[in-house]
Amino acid sequence: MRHKNKKLLLNRFTSWRKATLISLSKALIVNQSIRTTLAKAKAAQVEVEKLITTAKKNTLSARRDAYAILGDHNMVKQLFNEITPRFKERLGGYTRIIRLGSRRGDNAEVVILELTEIKKKDIKAKKVKTGKEEKVTPAETIQTETKGAGEAKGQKETKEKPLATKKPDKNFFKGLRQIFKKERDSL
């Protein structure tokens, strides 16, 4: 009997289902947030929570178990070194599902599956020379500082031109013609 052996079948064969769940787990570890259907998200949520719980042990055996599922040493390293320390104090609930609505084509419920503790991307810092000193400032503040300095000296401000759309090359159209060229059936 299969008492308490519940799993979402996702209308797939066993090997296809395992491959789907592993792929979703890998994508969630790399991107920290993925967009998928509700059924797949619920199934993948269980797998990712087990992975993070296993990774919190931080033993060789836990690393081998994670590698058996992920199949990539770099992903295992990222899971153990970057993701798991964020959930050190948390006992569970490492992921969340945010509902977006229905997909237009097949009316499937679309959701965002993401980690609850997401690391924000750092703004790249650039060095700006002002006189004898070098200051390191974020990229956003560089634009405002240089703009103010140009106005103080009486220089005119250069406006950015919008990107003009380029016309496709003639070779591009030749390729399209060859793709859609109808060949007559000879009988």
N, C-alpha and C. Protein backbone atom coordinates (compact mmCIF):
# COMPACT_ATOMS: atom_id res chain seq x y z
N MET A 1 0.84 -1.18 0.00
CA MET A 1 0.00 0.00 0.00
C MET A 1 0.88 1.24 0.00
N ARG A 2 0.35 2.33 -0.51
CA ARG A 2 1.15 3.55 -0.61
C ARG A 2 0.61 4.63 0.31
N HIS A 3 0.47 4.31 1.57
CA HIS A 3 -0.01 5.29 2.54
C HIS A 3 1.03 6.38 2.72
N LYS A 4 0.59 7.62 2.69
CA LYS A 4 1.42 8.81 2.88
C LYS A 4 2.55 8.94 1.87
N ASN A 5 2.42 8.32 0.71
CA ASN A 5 3.40 8.47 -0.37
C ASN A 5 2.80 9.37 -1.44
N LYS A 6 2.56 10.61 -1.07
CA LYS A 6 1.92 11.54 -1.97
C LYS A 6 2.96 12.23 -2.83
N LYS A 7 2.72 12.35 -4.12
CA LYS A 7 3.54 13.16 -4.99
C LYS A 7 2.71 13.62 -6.17
N LEU A 8 3.02 14.79 -6.65
CA LEU A 8 2.31 15.33 -7.79
C LEU A 8 2.85 14.67 -9.06
N LEU A 9 1.98 14.04 -9.83
CA LEU A 9 2.41 13.26 -10.98
C LEU A 9 2.64 14.09 -12.23
N LEU A 10 2.02 15.25 -12.34
CA LEU A 10 2.20 16.19 -13.45
C LEU A 10 1.88 15.59 -14.82
N ASN A 11 1.13 14.51 -14.85
CA ASN A 11 0.71 13.87 -16.10
C ASN A 11 1.92 13.51 -16.98
N ARG A 12 2.98 12.97 -16.35
CA ARG A 12 4.19 12.59 -17.06
C ARG A 12 4.64 11.21 -16.60
N PHE A 13 5.47 10.58 -17.42
CA PHE A 13 6.11 9.34 -17.00
C PHE A 13 7.10 9.68 -15.89
N THR A 14 7.51 8.67 -15.13
CA THR A 14 8.38 8.91 -13.97
C THR A 14 9.67 9.62 -14.35
N SER A 15 10.34 9.16 -15.39
CA SER A 15 11.62 9.76 -15.78
C SER A 15 11.43 11.20 -16.26
N TRP A 16 10.34 11.47 -16.97
CA TRP A 16 10.08 12.82 -17.44
C TRP A 16 9.80 13.75 -16.26
N ARG A 17 9.03 13.24 -15.28
CA ARG A 17 8.69 14.04 -14.11
C ARG A 17 9.95 14.37 -13.31
N LYS A 18 10.81 13.37 -13.11
CA LYS A 18 12.05 13.61 -12.37
C LYS A 18 12.92 14.64 -13.09
N ALA A 19 13.01 14.53 -14.41
CA ALA A 19 13.81 15.47 -15.19
C ALA A 19 13.23 16.89 -15.10
N THR A 20 11.91 17.00 -15.13
CA THR A 20 11.27 18.31 -15.02
C THR A 20 11.56 18.94 -13.67
N LEU A 21 11.43 18.16 -12.60
CA LEU A 21 11.64 18.69 -11.26
C LEU A 21 13.11 19.06 -11.02
N ILE A 22 14.03 18.27 -11.55
CA ILE A 22 15.45 18.59 -11.42
C ILE A 22 15.76 19.87 -12.19
N SER A 23 15.20 20.02 -13.37
CA SER A 23 15.42 21.21 -14.18
C SER A 23 14.88 22.46 -13.48
N LEU A 24 13.69 22.36 -12.90
CA LEU A 24 13.12 23.49 -12.17
C LEU A 24 13.95 23.82 -10.93
N SER A 25 14.45 22.79 -10.24
CA SER A 25 15.27 23.01 -9.06
C SER A 25 16.57 23.73 -9.42
N LYS A 26 17.20 23.30 -10.49
CA LYS A 26 18.44 23.93 -10.96
C LYS A 26 18.19 25.39 -11.32
N ALA A 27 17.10 25.63 -12.04
CA ALA A 27 16.78 27.00 -12.46
C ALA A 27 16.52 27.89 -11.26
N LEU A 28 15.86 27.36 -10.24
CA LEU A 28 15.57 28.15 -9.05
C LEU A 28 16.85 28.47 -8.27
N ILE A 29 17.78 27.54 -8.22
CA ILE A 29 19.04 27.79 -7.51
C ILE A 29 19.86 28.84 -8.24
N VAL A 30 19.89 28.78 -9.55
CA VAL A 30 20.69 29.73 -10.32
C VAL A 30 20.05 31.11 -10.34
N ASN A 31 18.75 31.17 -10.64
CA ASN A 31 18.08 32.46 -10.85
C ASN A 31 17.38 33.01 -9.61
N GLN A 32 17.13 32.19 -8.61
CA GLN A 32 16.47 32.53 -7.36
C GLN A 32 15.00 32.87 -7.53
N SER A 33 14.51 32.94 -8.76
CA SER A 33 13.10 33.21 -9.01
C SER A 33 12.77 32.71 -10.41
N ILE A 34 11.74 31.89 -10.53
CA ILE A 34 11.35 31.37 -11.85
C ILE A 34 9.85 31.53 -12.03
N ARG A 35 9.42 31.56 -13.28
CA ARG A 35 8.01 31.68 -13.63
C ARG A 35 7.58 30.37 -14.26
N THR A 36 6.55 29.74 -13.70
CA THR A 36 6.09 28.44 -14.17
C THR A 36 4.62 28.27 -13.83
N THR A 37 4.08 27.09 -14.10
CA THR A 37 2.68 26.84 -13.78
C THR A 37 2.55 26.45 -12.31
N LEU A 38 1.34 26.52 -11.80
CA LEU A 38 1.10 26.27 -10.38
C LEU A 38 1.43 24.82 -10.01
N ALA A 39 1.03 23.86 -10.83
CA ALA A 39 1.27 22.45 -10.52
C ALA A 39 2.77 22.15 -10.47
N LYS A 40 3.52 22.65 -11.45
CA LYS A 40 4.96 22.42 -11.46
C LYS A 40 5.63 23.12 -10.28
N ALA A 41 5.15 24.31 -9.94
CA ALA A 41 5.74 25.05 -8.83
C ALA A 41 5.53 24.32 -7.51
N LYS A 42 4.35 23.77 -7.30
CA LYS A 42 4.08 23.04 -6.06
C LYS A 42 4.95 21.79 -5.96
N ALA A 43 5.15 21.12 -7.09
CA ALA A 43 5.98 19.92 -7.08
C ALA A 43 7.46 20.28 -6.87
N ALA A 44 7.92 21.33 -7.53
CA ALA A 44 9.33 21.73 -7.41
C ALA A 44 9.63 22.34 -6.04
N GLN A 45 8.63 22.95 -5.43
CA GLN A 45 8.81 23.57 -4.12
C GLN A 45 9.23 22.52 -3.09
N VAL A 46 8.61 21.36 -3.14
CA VAL A 46 8.95 20.28 -2.21
C VAL A 46 10.40 19.85 -2.41
N GLU A 47 10.82 19.70 -3.66
CA GLU A 47 12.18 19.25 -3.96
C GLU A 47 13.22 20.28 -3.50
N VAL A 48 12.97 21.54 -3.76
CA VAL A 48 13.93 22.59 -3.40
C VAL A 48 14.04 22.72 -1.88
N GLU A 49 12.91 22.62 -1.19
CA GLU A 49 12.94 22.71 0.28
C GLU A 49 13.76 21.55 0.86
N LYS A 50 13.62 20.35 0.29
CA LYS A 50 14.42 19.21 0.76
C LYS A 50 15.90 19.45 0.50
N LEU A 51 16.22 20.02 -0.68
CA LEU A 51 17.62 20.30 -1.02
C LEU A 51 18.24 21.28 -0.03
N ILE A 52 17.52 22.35 0.28
CA ILE A 52 18.06 23.36 1.19
C ILE A 52 18.20 22.80 2.60
N THR A 53 17.23 21.99 3.04
CA THR A 53 17.31 21.37 4.36
C THR A 53 18.51 20.44 4.43
N THR A 54 18.75 19.67 3.38
CA THR A 54 19.91 18.79 3.32
C THR A 54 21.20 19.60 3.33
N ALA A 55 21.21 20.71 2.61
CA ALA A 55 22.41 21.54 2.51
C ALA A 55 22.75 22.23 3.83
N LYS A 56 21.77 22.42 4.70
CA LYS A 56 22.03 23.07 5.99
C LYS A 56 22.90 22.20 6.90
N LYS A 57 22.95 20.89 6.64
CA LYS A 57 23.80 20.00 7.43
C LYS A 57 25.28 20.27 7.15
N ASN A 58 25.60 20.61 5.89
CA ASN A 58 26.95 20.97 5.47
C ASN A 58 27.97 19.88 5.78
N THR A 59 27.64 18.65 5.39
CA THR A 59 28.56 17.52 5.52
C THR A 59 28.89 16.99 4.14
N LEU A 60 29.87 16.13 4.08
CA LEU A 60 30.24 15.52 2.80
C LEU A 60 29.08 14.69 2.26
N SER A 61 28.40 13.98 3.13
CA SER A 61 27.25 13.18 2.72
C SER A 61 26.14 14.06 2.14
N ALA A 62 25.92 15.22 2.75
CA ALA A 62 24.89 16.14 2.25
C ALA A 62 25.28 16.68 0.88
N ARG A 63 26.58 16.96 0.70
CA ARG A 63 27.04 17.44 -0.61
C ARG A 63 26.86 16.37 -1.68
N ARG A 64 27.11 15.13 -1.32
CA ARG A 64 26.93 14.04 -2.29
C ARG A 64 25.46 13.85 -2.64
N ASP A 65 24.58 13.99 -1.65
CA ASP A 65 23.15 13.89 -1.91
C ASP A 65 22.69 15.02 -2.83
N ALA A 66 23.19 16.22 -2.60
CA ALA A 66 22.83 17.37 -3.44
C ALA A 66 23.37 17.17 -4.86
N TYR A 67 24.59 16.64 -4.97
CA TYR A 67 25.16 16.39 -6.29
C TYR A 67 24.38 15.32 -7.05
N ALA A 68 23.83 14.35 -6.33
CA ALA A 68 23.04 13.30 -6.97
C ALA A 68 21.80 13.89 -7.64
N ILE A 69 21.26 14.96 -7.06
CA ILE A 69 20.08 15.59 -7.65
C ILE A 69 20.46 16.64 -8.69
N LEU A 70 21.41 17.51 -8.35
CA LEU A 70 21.75 18.62 -9.23
C LEU A 70 22.69 18.22 -10.37
N GLY A 71 23.65 17.34 -10.09
CA GLY A 71 24.55 16.87 -11.13
C GLY A 71 25.58 17.88 -11.60
N ASP A 72 25.87 18.90 -10.80
CA ASP A 72 26.84 19.92 -11.19
C ASP A 72 27.54 20.43 -9.94
N HIS A 73 28.86 20.37 -9.92
CA HIS A 73 29.62 20.78 -8.74
C HIS A 73 29.47 22.28 -8.45
N ASN A 74 29.40 23.09 -9.52
CA ASN A 74 29.26 24.54 -9.30
C ASN A 74 27.93 24.88 -8.65
N MET A 75 26.86 24.18 -9.04
CA MET A 75 25.55 24.42 -8.43
C MET A 75 25.54 23.97 -6.97
N VAL A 76 26.20 22.86 -6.69
CA VAL A 76 26.28 22.38 -5.31
C VAL A 76 27.04 23.40 -4.46
N LYS A 77 28.13 23.93 -5.01
CA LYS A 77 28.91 24.95 -4.31
C LYS A 77 28.07 26.20 -4.06
N GLN A 78 27.30 26.61 -5.06
CA GLN A 78 26.45 27.79 -4.91
C GLN A 78 25.37 27.54 -3.87
N LEU A 79 24.80 26.34 -3.87
CA LEU A 79 23.76 26.00 -2.89
C LEU A 79 24.31 26.05 -1.48
N PHE A 80 25.48 25.46 -1.26
CA PHE A 80 26.05 25.37 0.08
C PHE A 80 26.66 26.68 0.55
N ASN A 81 27.31 27.44 -0.35
CA ASN A 81 28.04 28.63 0.06
C ASN A 81 27.23 29.92 0.03
N GLU A 82 26.25 30.02 -0.89
CA GLU A 82 25.53 31.28 -1.05
C GLU A 82 24.09 31.21 -0.56
N ILE A 83 23.39 30.15 -0.90
CA ILE A 83 21.95 30.09 -0.60
C ILE A 83 21.67 29.61 0.82
N THR A 84 22.29 28.53 1.24
CA THR A 84 22.00 27.95 2.55
C THR A 84 22.33 28.88 3.72
N PRO A 85 23.43 29.65 3.70
CA PRO A 85 23.69 30.54 4.84
C PRO A 85 22.60 31.58 5.09
N ARG A 86 21.85 31.94 4.06
CA ARG A 86 20.76 32.89 4.23
C ARG A 86 19.63 32.32 5.08
N PHE A 87 19.49 30.99 5.06
CA PHE A 87 18.40 30.32 5.77
C PHE A 87 18.88 29.65 7.05
N LYS A 88 19.96 30.12 7.61
CA LYS A 88 20.56 29.50 8.79
C LYS A 88 19.59 29.46 9.97
N GLU A 89 18.91 30.56 10.22
CA GLU A 89 18.00 30.66 11.37
C GLU A 89 16.60 30.15 11.07
N ARG A 90 16.26 29.94 9.82
CA ARG A 90 14.91 29.57 9.42
C ARG A 90 14.75 28.05 9.48
N LEU A 91 13.62 27.59 9.99
CA LEU A 91 13.36 26.15 10.11
C LEU A 91 12.65 25.57 8.89
N GLY A 92 12.06 26.38 8.09
CA GLY A 92 11.36 25.91 6.91
C GLY A 92 10.82 27.09 6.15
N GLY A 93 10.09 26.83 5.07
CA GLY A 93 9.52 27.92 4.29
C GLY A 93 10.58 28.70 3.54
N TYR A 94 11.43 27.98 2.81
CA TYR A 94 12.51 28.63 2.09
C TYR A 94 12.05 29.22 0.77
N THR A 95 10.91 28.77 0.27
CA THR A 95 10.40 29.26 -1.00
C THR A 95 8.98 29.78 -0.84
N ARG A 96 8.55 30.59 -1.81
CA ARG A 96 7.17 31.07 -1.82
C ARG A 96 6.64 31.05 -3.24
N ILE A 97 5.31 30.95 -3.34
CA ILE A 97 4.64 30.94 -4.63
C ILE A 97 3.77 32.19 -4.70
N ILE A 98 3.98 33.00 -5.74
CA ILE A 98 3.19 34.20 -5.96
C ILE A 98 2.38 33.98 -7.24
N ARG A 99 1.07 34.06 -7.12
CA ARG A 99 0.20 33.81 -8.27
C ARG A 99 0.12 35.04 -9.17
N LEU A 100 0.21 34.80 -10.48
CA LEU A 100 0.17 35.89 -11.45
C LEU A 100 -1.14 35.95 -12.22
N GLY A 101 -1.83 34.83 -12.37
CA GLY A 101 -3.05 34.81 -13.15
C GLY A 101 -3.02 33.65 -14.14
N SER A 102 -3.89 33.70 -15.11
CA SER A 102 -3.99 32.61 -16.08
C SER A 102 -3.22 32.94 -17.35
N ARG A 103 -2.66 31.91 -17.95
CA ARG A 103 -1.94 32.05 -19.20
C ARG A 103 -2.96 32.13 -20.33
N ARG A 104 -2.69 32.92 -21.33
CA ARG A 104 -3.67 33.20 -22.36
C ARG A 104 -3.97 31.98 -23.23
N GLY A 105 -2.96 31.22 -23.58
CA GLY A 105 -3.16 30.13 -24.53
C GLY A 105 -3.97 28.97 -24.00
N ASP A 106 -3.60 28.45 -22.82
CA ASP A 106 -4.26 27.26 -22.30
C ASP A 106 -4.94 27.47 -20.95
N ASN A 107 -4.99 28.72 -20.49
CA ASN A 107 -5.66 29.09 -19.24
C ASN A 107 -5.03 28.41 -18.01
N ALA A 108 -3.74 28.06 -18.12
CA ALA A 108 -3.05 27.48 -16.98
C ALA A 108 -2.68 28.58 -16.00
N GLU A 109 -2.76 28.27 -14.72
CA GLU A 109 -2.42 29.26 -13.69
C GLU A 109 -0.90 29.44 -13.65
N VAL A 110 -0.44 30.66 -13.87
CA VAL A 110 0.98 30.97 -13.91
C VAL A 110 1.38 31.61 -12.57
N VAL A 111 2.53 31.17 -12.05
CA VAL A 111 3.01 31.66 -10.75
C VAL A 111 4.50 31.97 -10.83
N ILE A 112 4.98 32.68 -9.83
CA ILE A 112 6.41 32.89 -9.65
C ILE A 112 6.82 32.08 -8.43
N LEU A 113 7.78 31.19 -8.62
CA LEU A 113 8.36 30.42 -7.51
C LEU A 113 9.71 31.06 -7.20
N GLU A 114 9.88 31.54 -5.97
CA GLU A 114 11.12 32.22 -5.62
C GLU A 114 11.55 31.87 -4.21
N LEU A 115 12.83 32.09 -3.95
CA LEU A 115 13.36 31.92 -2.60
C LEU A 115 12.88 33.09 -1.75
N THR A 116 12.62 32.85 -0.47
CA THR A 116 12.14 33.93 0.38
C THR A 116 13.25 34.93 0.70
N GLU A 117 14.48 34.49 0.76
CA GLU A 117 15.63 35.37 1.01
C GLU A 117 16.39 35.51 -0.30
N ILE A 118 16.10 36.57 -1.05
CA ILE A 118 16.75 36.78 -2.34
C ILE A 118 17.88 37.79 -2.17
N LYS A 119 19.04 37.43 -2.70
CA LYS A 119 20.18 38.34 -2.65
C LYS A 119 20.03 39.34 -3.77
N LYS A 120 20.06 40.62 -3.42
CA LYS A 120 19.91 41.68 -4.42
C LYS A 120 21.22 41.85 -5.18
N LYS A 121 21.10 42.14 -6.47
CA LYS A 121 22.27 42.33 -7.30
C LYS A 121 22.96 43.64 -6.91
N ASP A 122 24.28 43.57 -6.80
CA ASP A 122 25.06 44.75 -6.44
C ASP A 122 25.19 45.66 -7.66
N ILE A 123 25.13 46.96 -7.40
CA ILE A 123 25.34 47.93 -8.47
C ILE A 123 26.85 48.03 -8.68
N LYS A 124 27.25 47.92 -9.93
CA LYS A 124 28.68 47.99 -10.22
C LYS A 124 29.20 49.39 -9.92
N ALA A 125 30.30 49.45 -9.22
CA ALA A 125 30.88 50.73 -8.85
C ALA A 125 31.93 51.14 -9.89
N LYS A 126 31.97 52.42 -10.17
CA LYS A 126 32.96 52.94 -11.11
C LYS A 126 33.79 53.99 -10.40
N LYS A 127 35.04 54.13 -10.83
CA LYS A 127 35.92 55.13 -10.24
C LYS A 127 35.77 56.45 -11.00
N VAL A 128 35.62 57.52 -10.24
CA VAL A 128 35.49 58.85 -10.82
C VAL A 128 36.63 59.70 -10.28
N LYS A 129 37.37 60.33 -11.18
CA LYS A 129 38.48 61.17 -10.75
C LYS A 129 37.98 62.60 -10.58
N THR A 130 38.18 63.14 -9.41
CA THR A 130 37.86 64.55 -9.15
C THR A 130 39.11 65.17 -8.55
N GLY A 131 39.84 65.87 -9.38
CA GLY A 131 41.08 66.50 -8.91
C GLY A 131 42.15 65.45 -8.64
N LYS A 132 42.67 65.41 -7.41
CA LYS A 132 43.72 64.47 -7.05
C LYS A 132 43.17 63.19 -6.43
N GLU A 133 41.91 63.21 -6.01
CA GLU A 133 41.33 62.07 -5.32
C GLU A 133 40.49 61.22 -6.26
N GLU A 134 40.40 59.95 -5.96
CA GLU A 134 39.52 59.05 -6.69
C GLU A 134 38.39 58.64 -5.76
N LYS A 135 37.19 58.78 -6.25
CA LYS A 135 36.02 58.36 -5.48
C LYS A 135 35.37 57.18 -6.18
N VAL A 136 34.91 56.24 -5.40
CA VAL A 136 34.18 55.10 -5.96
C VAL A 136 32.71 55.34 -5.66
N THR A 137 31.93 55.48 -6.75
CA THR A 137 30.51 55.75 -6.58
C THR A 137 29.70 54.78 -7.42
N PRO A 138 28.48 54.50 -7.04
CA PRO A 138 27.63 53.65 -7.87
C PRO A 138 27.37 54.30 -9.22
N ALA A 139 26.98 53.46 -10.21
CA ALA A 139 26.79 53.93 -11.58
C ALA A 139 25.69 54.98 -11.68
N GLU A 140 24.66 54.90 -10.86
CA GLU A 140 23.55 55.84 -10.93
C GLU A 140 23.98 57.24 -10.52
N THR A 141 24.83 57.34 -9.50
CA THR A 141 25.23 58.65 -9.03
C THR A 141 26.26 59.28 -9.95
N ILE A 142 26.93 58.51 -10.75
CA ILE A 142 27.92 59.06 -11.69
C ILE A 142 27.23 59.98 -12.68
N GLN A 143 26.09 59.56 -13.19
CA GLN A 143 25.38 60.37 -14.17
C GLN A 143 24.96 61.70 -13.57
N THR A 144 24.49 61.72 -12.34
CA THR A 144 24.05 62.97 -11.74
C THR A 144 25.23 63.87 -11.42
N GLU A 145 26.36 63.31 -10.99
CA GLU A 145 27.52 64.14 -10.66
C GLU A 145 28.12 64.77 -11.91
N THR A 146 28.28 64.00 -12.98
CA THR A 146 28.87 64.56 -14.19
C THR A 146 27.95 65.58 -14.82
N LYS A 147 26.67 65.39 -14.70
CA LYS A 147 25.71 66.33 -15.23
C LYS A 147 25.85 67.67 -14.52
N GLY A 148 25.95 67.65 -13.20
CA GLY A 148 26.09 68.87 -12.41
C GLY A 148 27.40 69.58 -12.69
N ALA A 149 28.48 68.83 -12.88
CA ALA A 149 29.78 69.43 -13.15
C ALA A 149 29.78 70.13 -14.50
N GLY A 150 29.11 69.57 -15.49
CA GLY A 150 29.05 70.15 -16.83
C GLY A 150 28.26 71.45 -16.84
N GLU A 151 27.21 71.52 -16.05
CA GLU A 151 26.41 72.73 -15.99
C GLU A 151 27.17 73.85 -15.28
N ALA A 152 27.98 73.48 -14.29
CA ALA A 152 28.72 74.49 -13.54
C ALA A 152 29.77 75.18 -14.41
N LYS A 153 30.35 74.45 -15.34
CA LYS A 153 31.38 75.02 -16.20
C LYS A 153 30.78 75.76 -17.40
N GLY A 154 29.48 75.66 -17.59
CA GLY A 154 28.84 76.35 -18.70
C GLY A 154 28.85 75.52 -19.98
N GLN A 155 29.16 74.26 -19.89
CA GLN A 155 29.17 73.42 -21.08
C GLN A 155 27.75 72.97 -21.39
N LYS A 156 27.51 72.74 -22.67
CA LYS A 156 26.19 72.28 -23.07
C LYS A 156 26.09 70.79 -22.82
N GLU A 157 24.90 70.43 -22.47
CA GLU A 157 24.64 69.03 -22.14
C GLU A 157 24.35 68.27 -23.43
N THR A 158 24.96 67.11 -23.62
CA THR A 158 24.69 66.31 -24.81
C THR A 158 23.50 65.41 -24.53
N LYS A 159 22.56 65.44 -25.43
CA LYS A 159 21.37 64.61 -25.27
C LYS A 159 21.61 63.26 -25.92
N GLU A 160 21.08 62.23 -25.30
CA GLU A 160 21.21 60.89 -25.86
C GLU A 160 20.18 60.71 -26.96
N LYS A 161 20.63 60.17 -28.07
CA LYS A 161 19.72 59.93 -29.18
C LYS A 161 19.02 58.60 -28.98
N PRO A 162 17.74 58.54 -29.29
CA PRO A 162 17.05 57.25 -29.18
C PRO A 162 17.60 56.30 -30.24
N LEU A 163 17.59 55.02 -29.91
CA LEU A 163 18.10 54.03 -30.84
C LEU A 163 17.21 53.96 -32.07
N ALA A 164 17.80 54.17 -33.22
CA ALA A 164 17.04 54.10 -34.46
C ALA A 164 16.95 52.64 -34.89
N THR A 165 15.83 52.28 -35.44
CA THR A 165 15.66 50.91 -35.91
C THR A 165 16.37 50.77 -37.25
N LYS A 166 17.16 49.74 -37.36
CA LYS A 166 17.90 49.50 -38.58
C LYS A 166 17.04 48.70 -39.55
N LYS A 167 17.20 49.00 -40.82
CA LYS A 167 16.49 48.23 -41.82
C LYS A 167 17.24 46.92 -42.04
N PRO A 168 16.51 45.81 -42.20
CA PRO A 168 17.20 44.54 -42.40
C PRO A 168 17.95 44.53 -43.73
N ASP A 169 19.03 43.79 -43.75
CA ASP A 169 19.82 43.67 -44.97
C ASP A 169 19.05 42.93 -46.05
N LYS A 170 19.50 43.14 -47.30
CA LYS A 170 18.85 42.44 -48.41
C LYS A 170 19.10 40.94 -48.32
N ASN A 171 20.24 40.56 -47.77
CA ASN A 171 20.54 39.13 -47.64
C ASN A 171 19.56 38.45 -46.70
N PHE A 172 19.06 39.21 -45.73
CA PHE A 172 18.07 38.67 -44.79
C PHE A 172 16.80 38.29 -45.53
N PHE A 173 16.35 39.17 -46.44
CA PHE A 173 15.13 38.87 -47.18
C PHE A 173 15.33 37.71 -48.15
N LYS A 174 16.54 37.60 -48.72
CA LYS A 174 16.81 36.47 -49.61
C LYS A 174 16.69 35.15 -48.86
N GLY A 175 17.20 35.15 -47.63
CA GLY A 175 17.09 33.95 -46.81
C GLY A 175 15.65 33.61 -46.50
N LEU A 176 14.83 34.62 -46.21
CA LEU A 176 13.42 34.38 -45.94
C LEU A 176 12.70 33.84 -47.17
N ARG A 177 13.05 34.40 -48.32
CA ARG A 177 12.41 33.92 -49.56
C ARG A 177 12.73 32.45 -49.80
N GLN A 178 13.95 32.06 -49.50
CA GLN A 178 14.33 30.67 -49.72
C GLN A 178 13.61 29.74 -48.75
N ILE A 179 13.36 30.23 -47.52
CA ILE A 179 12.67 29.39 -46.54
C ILE A 179 11.22 29.17 -46.95
N PHE A 180 10.57 30.25 -47.39
CA PHE A 180 9.14 30.16 -47.69
C PHE A 180 8.86 29.89 -49.16
N LYS A 181 9.89 29.60 -49.94
CA LYS A 181 9.72 29.33 -51.35
C LYS A 181 8.96 28.02 -51.53
N LYS A 182 7.90 28.09 -52.31
CA LYS A 182 7.08 26.90 -52.54
C LYS A 182 7.66 26.11 -53.71
N GLU A 183 7.90 24.86 -53.46
CA GLU A 183 8.37 24.01 -54.55
C GLU A 183 7.18 23.25 -55.09
N ARG A 184 7.05 23.29 -56.38
CA ARG A 184 5.93 22.61 -57.04
C ARG A 184 6.14 21.11 -57.02
N ASP A 185 5.09 20.40 -56.71
CA ASP A 185 5.18 18.94 -56.72
C ASP A 185 5.12 18.47 -58.16
N SER A 186 6.08 17.71 -58.55
CA SER A 186 6.06 17.18 -59.92
C SER A 186 5.52 15.75 -59.86
N LEU A 187 4.51 15.52 -60.68
CA LEU A 187 3.88 14.20 -60.68
C LEU A 187 4.29 13.38 -61.84
